[in-house]
Amino acid sequence: MHANPNDDPSFDLPDRVEHALHSFWQGSSREFDRLLSDGNGDDSAVCGLLAGLIDEHAHVLEVPDRIGDYAIAQQIGRGGMATVYEAKQERTGRIVALKLIRRWGTTDRARFRIFRREVDRLARLKHPAIATLYDAGITDDGQHYFAMELAGGLTLAEYMARG
C-alpha cells in the first residue's frame, strides 16, 4: 500500500505538501486540511513553501488583447491551474476577473473535470464573501475560462508571505 506522507514522520515538509496538493487536485481537501492543522508548529513553513511555489511559477506571459467577449486590461494573478485577468465584458460593460485555464497536455481531461466542478459549485453558491460567477466558456482555440466578480485585496502569495 502507498504510504501517506501526512501519517509518516520520515517524509519531509515538501513531500507532505506535494501529497496534499495532489489529493486536492484529485478533488479532496482532507489531506491539505490535515497538513495545516496537524499542530506541529510549522504552519508558517507550509505557507512559505506554498508562497514560494506560487512565485516560482508566476512568471508573466504575454497578455492577450481579448478572450471571447472580454477585453483584457491586465494579468492579476497566476496559479497552478490558471491565469486570472482583469477584463471588461463587451456586451455588458462589466469589469470581471477572467480565469483562463492553463493547458496541461495529457492531463487536460482531469484538469477540465476539476474546472467543470469548480464552475458548477460556484454557480450554486450565493454568499457575500464568495465572488459571483457570471459566465463560462471555451475560447476559439479550445481553452476553458470563466468570468466572475472582481474582488480587491491581497493575492494568495502576498497573504501567505505575511504568515
Protein backbone atom coordinates (compact mmCIF):
# COMPACT_ATOMS: atom_id res chain seq x y z
CA MET A 1 0.00 0.00 0.00
CA HIS A 2 1.18 3.53 -0.83
CA ALA A 3 2.38 5.47 2.24
CA ASN A 4 0.61 8.66 3.24
CA PRO A 5 3.26 11.36 3.88
CA ASN A 6 0.98 13.07 6.40
CA ASP A 7 1.00 9.87 8.53
CA ASP A 8 4.70 9.10 8.19
CA PRO A 9 7.20 11.32 10.07
CA SER A 10 10.01 10.23 7.76
CA PHE A 11 8.56 12.40 4.97
CA ASP A 12 9.78 15.99 4.93
CA LEU A 13 7.55 19.04 4.57
CA PRO A 14 7.85 19.42 0.76
CA ASP A 15 6.78 15.76 0.31
CA ARG A 16 3.82 16.31 2.62
CA VAL A 17 2.78 19.49 0.78
CA GLU A 18 3.13 17.75 -2.60
CA HIS A 19 0.94 14.87 -1.39
CA ALA A 20 -1.68 17.30 -0.04
CA LEU A 21 -1.75 19.26 -3.30
CA HIS A 22 -2.05 16.06 -5.34
CA SER A 23 -5.01 15.00 -3.20
CA PHE A 24 -6.53 18.46 -3.60
CA TRP A 25 -6.30 18.23 -7.41
CA GLN A 26 -8.00 14.83 -7.17
CA GLY A 27 -10.95 16.56 -5.50
CA SER A 28 -10.27 16.13 -1.78
CA SER A 29 -9.07 18.85 0.60
CA ARG A 30 -8.83 16.44 3.57
CA GLU A 31 -5.03 15.92 3.35
CA PHE A 32 -4.48 19.65 2.93
CA ASP A 33 -6.64 20.33 5.99
CA ARG A 34 -4.67 17.71 7.97
CA LEU A 35 -1.37 19.24 6.89
CA LEU A 36 -2.41 22.71 8.04
CA SER A 37 -3.94 21.57 11.32
CA ASP A 38 -1.51 18.89 12.49
CA GLY A 39 -0.31 21.11 15.34
CA ASN A 40 3.39 20.61 14.63
CA GLY A 41 4.05 24.35 14.65
CA ASP A 42 5.25 24.60 11.07
CA ASP A 43 2.20 26.41 9.65
CA SER A 44 4.39 29.36 8.63
CA ALA A 45 6.76 26.94 6.90
CA VAL A 46 3.85 25.45 4.93
CA CYS A 47 2.65 28.92 3.97
CA GLY A 48 6.18 29.94 2.99
CA LEU A 49 6.64 26.83 0.88
CA LEU A 50 3.31 27.38 -0.90
CA ALA A 51 4.10 31.07 -1.50
CA GLY A 52 7.45 30.01 -2.98
CA LEU A 53 5.75 27.51 -5.30
CA ILE A 54 3.35 30.18 -6.49
CA ASP A 55 6.15 32.73 -7.02
CA GLU A 56 8.26 30.14 -8.85
CA HIS A 57 5.51 29.62 -11.43
CA ALA A 58 4.22 33.20 -11.55
CA HIS A 59 6.29 34.46 -14.44
CA VAL A 60 4.29 36.83 -16.62
CA LEU A 61 3.31 35.62 -20.05
CA GLU A 62 2.17 37.84 -22.89
CA VAL A 63 -1.27 39.17 -22.01
CA PRO A 64 -3.84 38.60 -24.78
CA ASP A 65 -5.92 41.56 -26.04
CA ARG A 66 -9.17 39.58 -25.97
CA ILE A 67 -10.65 36.33 -24.73
CA GLY A 68 -14.08 35.73 -26.22
CA ASP A 69 -16.34 38.71 -25.43
CA TYR A 70 -13.80 40.10 -22.95
CA ALA A 71 -11.26 42.89 -23.50
CA ILE A 72 -8.24 42.15 -21.30
CA ALA A 73 -6.92 45.02 -19.15
CA GLN A 74 -4.14 43.24 -17.24
CA GLN A 75 -2.98 39.98 -15.69
CA ILE A 76 -3.83 39.98 -11.98
CA GLY A 77 -2.80 36.50 -10.92
CA ARG A 78 -1.36 33.17 -11.92
CA GLY A 79 -1.51 29.84 -10.18
CA GLY A 80 -1.04 26.15 -10.80
CA MET A 81 -4.25 25.79 -12.76
CA ALA A 82 -4.97 29.13 -14.42
CA THR A 83 -4.09 32.72 -15.18
CA VAL A 84 -6.51 35.40 -14.00
CA TYR A 85 -7.05 38.65 -15.87
CA GLU A 86 -8.94 41.81 -15.14
CA ALA A 87 -11.24 42.17 -18.14
CA LYS A 88 -14.26 44.08 -19.43
CA GLN A 89 -17.17 42.14 -20.86
CA GLU A 90 -18.01 43.99 -24.06
CA ARG A 91 -21.76 43.31 -24.19
CA THR A 92 -22.43 44.34 -20.55
CA GLY A 93 -19.54 46.71 -19.77
CA ARG A 94 -18.98 44.75 -16.55
CA ILE A 95 -15.43 44.55 -15.12
CA VAL A 96 -14.65 40.93 -14.18
CA ALA A 97 -11.95 38.54 -13.07
CA LEU A 98 -11.49 36.22 -16.05
CA LYS A 99 -9.87 32.88 -15.19
CA LEU A 100 -8.24 31.18 -18.19
CA ILE A 101 -7.42 27.54 -17.51
CA ARG A 102 -3.88 26.53 -18.43
CA ARG A 103 -3.28 23.68 -20.86
CA TRP A 104 -1.58 20.62 -19.39
CA GLY A 105 -1.23 18.17 -22.28
CA THR A 106 -2.20 14.60 -21.39
CA THR A 107 -3.82 15.57 -18.09
CA ASP A 108 -6.22 18.08 -19.69
CA ARG A 109 -9.24 15.82 -19.14
CA ALA A 110 -8.62 15.54 -15.40
CA ARG A 111 -7.99 19.28 -15.08
CA PHE A 112 -11.12 20.02 -17.14
CA ARG A 113 -13.18 17.89 -14.72
CA ILE A 114 -11.79 19.94 -11.83
CA PHE A 115 -12.57 23.15 -13.73
CA ARG A 116 -16.10 21.94 -14.51
CA ARG A 117 -16.65 21.03 -10.85
CA GLU A 118 -15.42 24.49 -9.77
CA VAL A 119 -17.77 26.22 -12.24
CA ASP A 120 -20.72 24.06 -11.16
CA ARG A 121 -20.07 24.74 -7.47
CA LEU A 122 -19.51 28.47 -7.95
CA ALA A 123 -22.74 28.75 -9.94
CA ARG A 124 -24.71 27.38 -6.96
CA LEU A 125 -23.04 29.46 -4.24
CA LYS A 126 -24.67 32.66 -3.03
CA HIS A 127 -22.85 34.42 -0.19
CA PRO A 128 -21.47 37.96 0.29
CA ALA A 129 -17.94 36.58 0.88
CA ILE A 130 -17.91 34.48 -2.31
CA ALA A 131 -17.37 36.03 -5.74
CA THR A 132 -20.34 35.61 -8.08
CA LEU A 133 -19.85 33.52 -11.23
CA TYR A 134 -21.06 35.41 -14.32
CA ASP A 135 -20.07 33.32 -17.33
CA ALA A 136 -18.07 30.30 -18.51
CA GLY A 137 -16.96 29.19 -21.94
CA ILE A 138 -14.31 27.93 -24.30
CA THR A 139 -12.04 30.09 -26.47
CA ASP A 140 -11.78 29.54 -30.22
CA ASP A 141 -8.53 27.62 -29.63
CA GLY A 142 -10.12 25.32 -27.00
CA GLN A 143 -9.07 26.89 -23.70
CA HIS A 144 -11.65 26.95 -20.93
CA TYR A 145 -12.41 30.11 -18.98
CA PHE A 146 -14.87 31.58 -16.56
CA ALA A 147 -15.72 35.13 -15.58
CA MET A 148 -16.56 36.11 -12.05
CA GLU A 149 -16.95 39.10 -9.81
CA LEU A 150 -13.70 41.02 -9.44
CA ALA A 151 -12.76 41.46 -5.77
CA GLY A 152 -9.91 43.56 -4.42
CA GLY A 153 -7.40 42.51 -1.81
CA LEU A 154 -4.16 40.60 -1.45
CA THR A 155 -3.10 37.79 -3.74
CA LEU A 156 -2.74 34.35 -2.15
CA ALA A 157 1.07 34.63 -2.39
CA GLU A 158 1.00 38.04 -0.66
CA TYR A 159 -1.30 36.76 2.06
CA MET A 160 0.80 33.66 2.73
CA ALA A 161 4.05 35.64 2.72
CA ARG A 162 2.67 37.69 5.61
CA GLY A 163 2.26 34.46 7.60
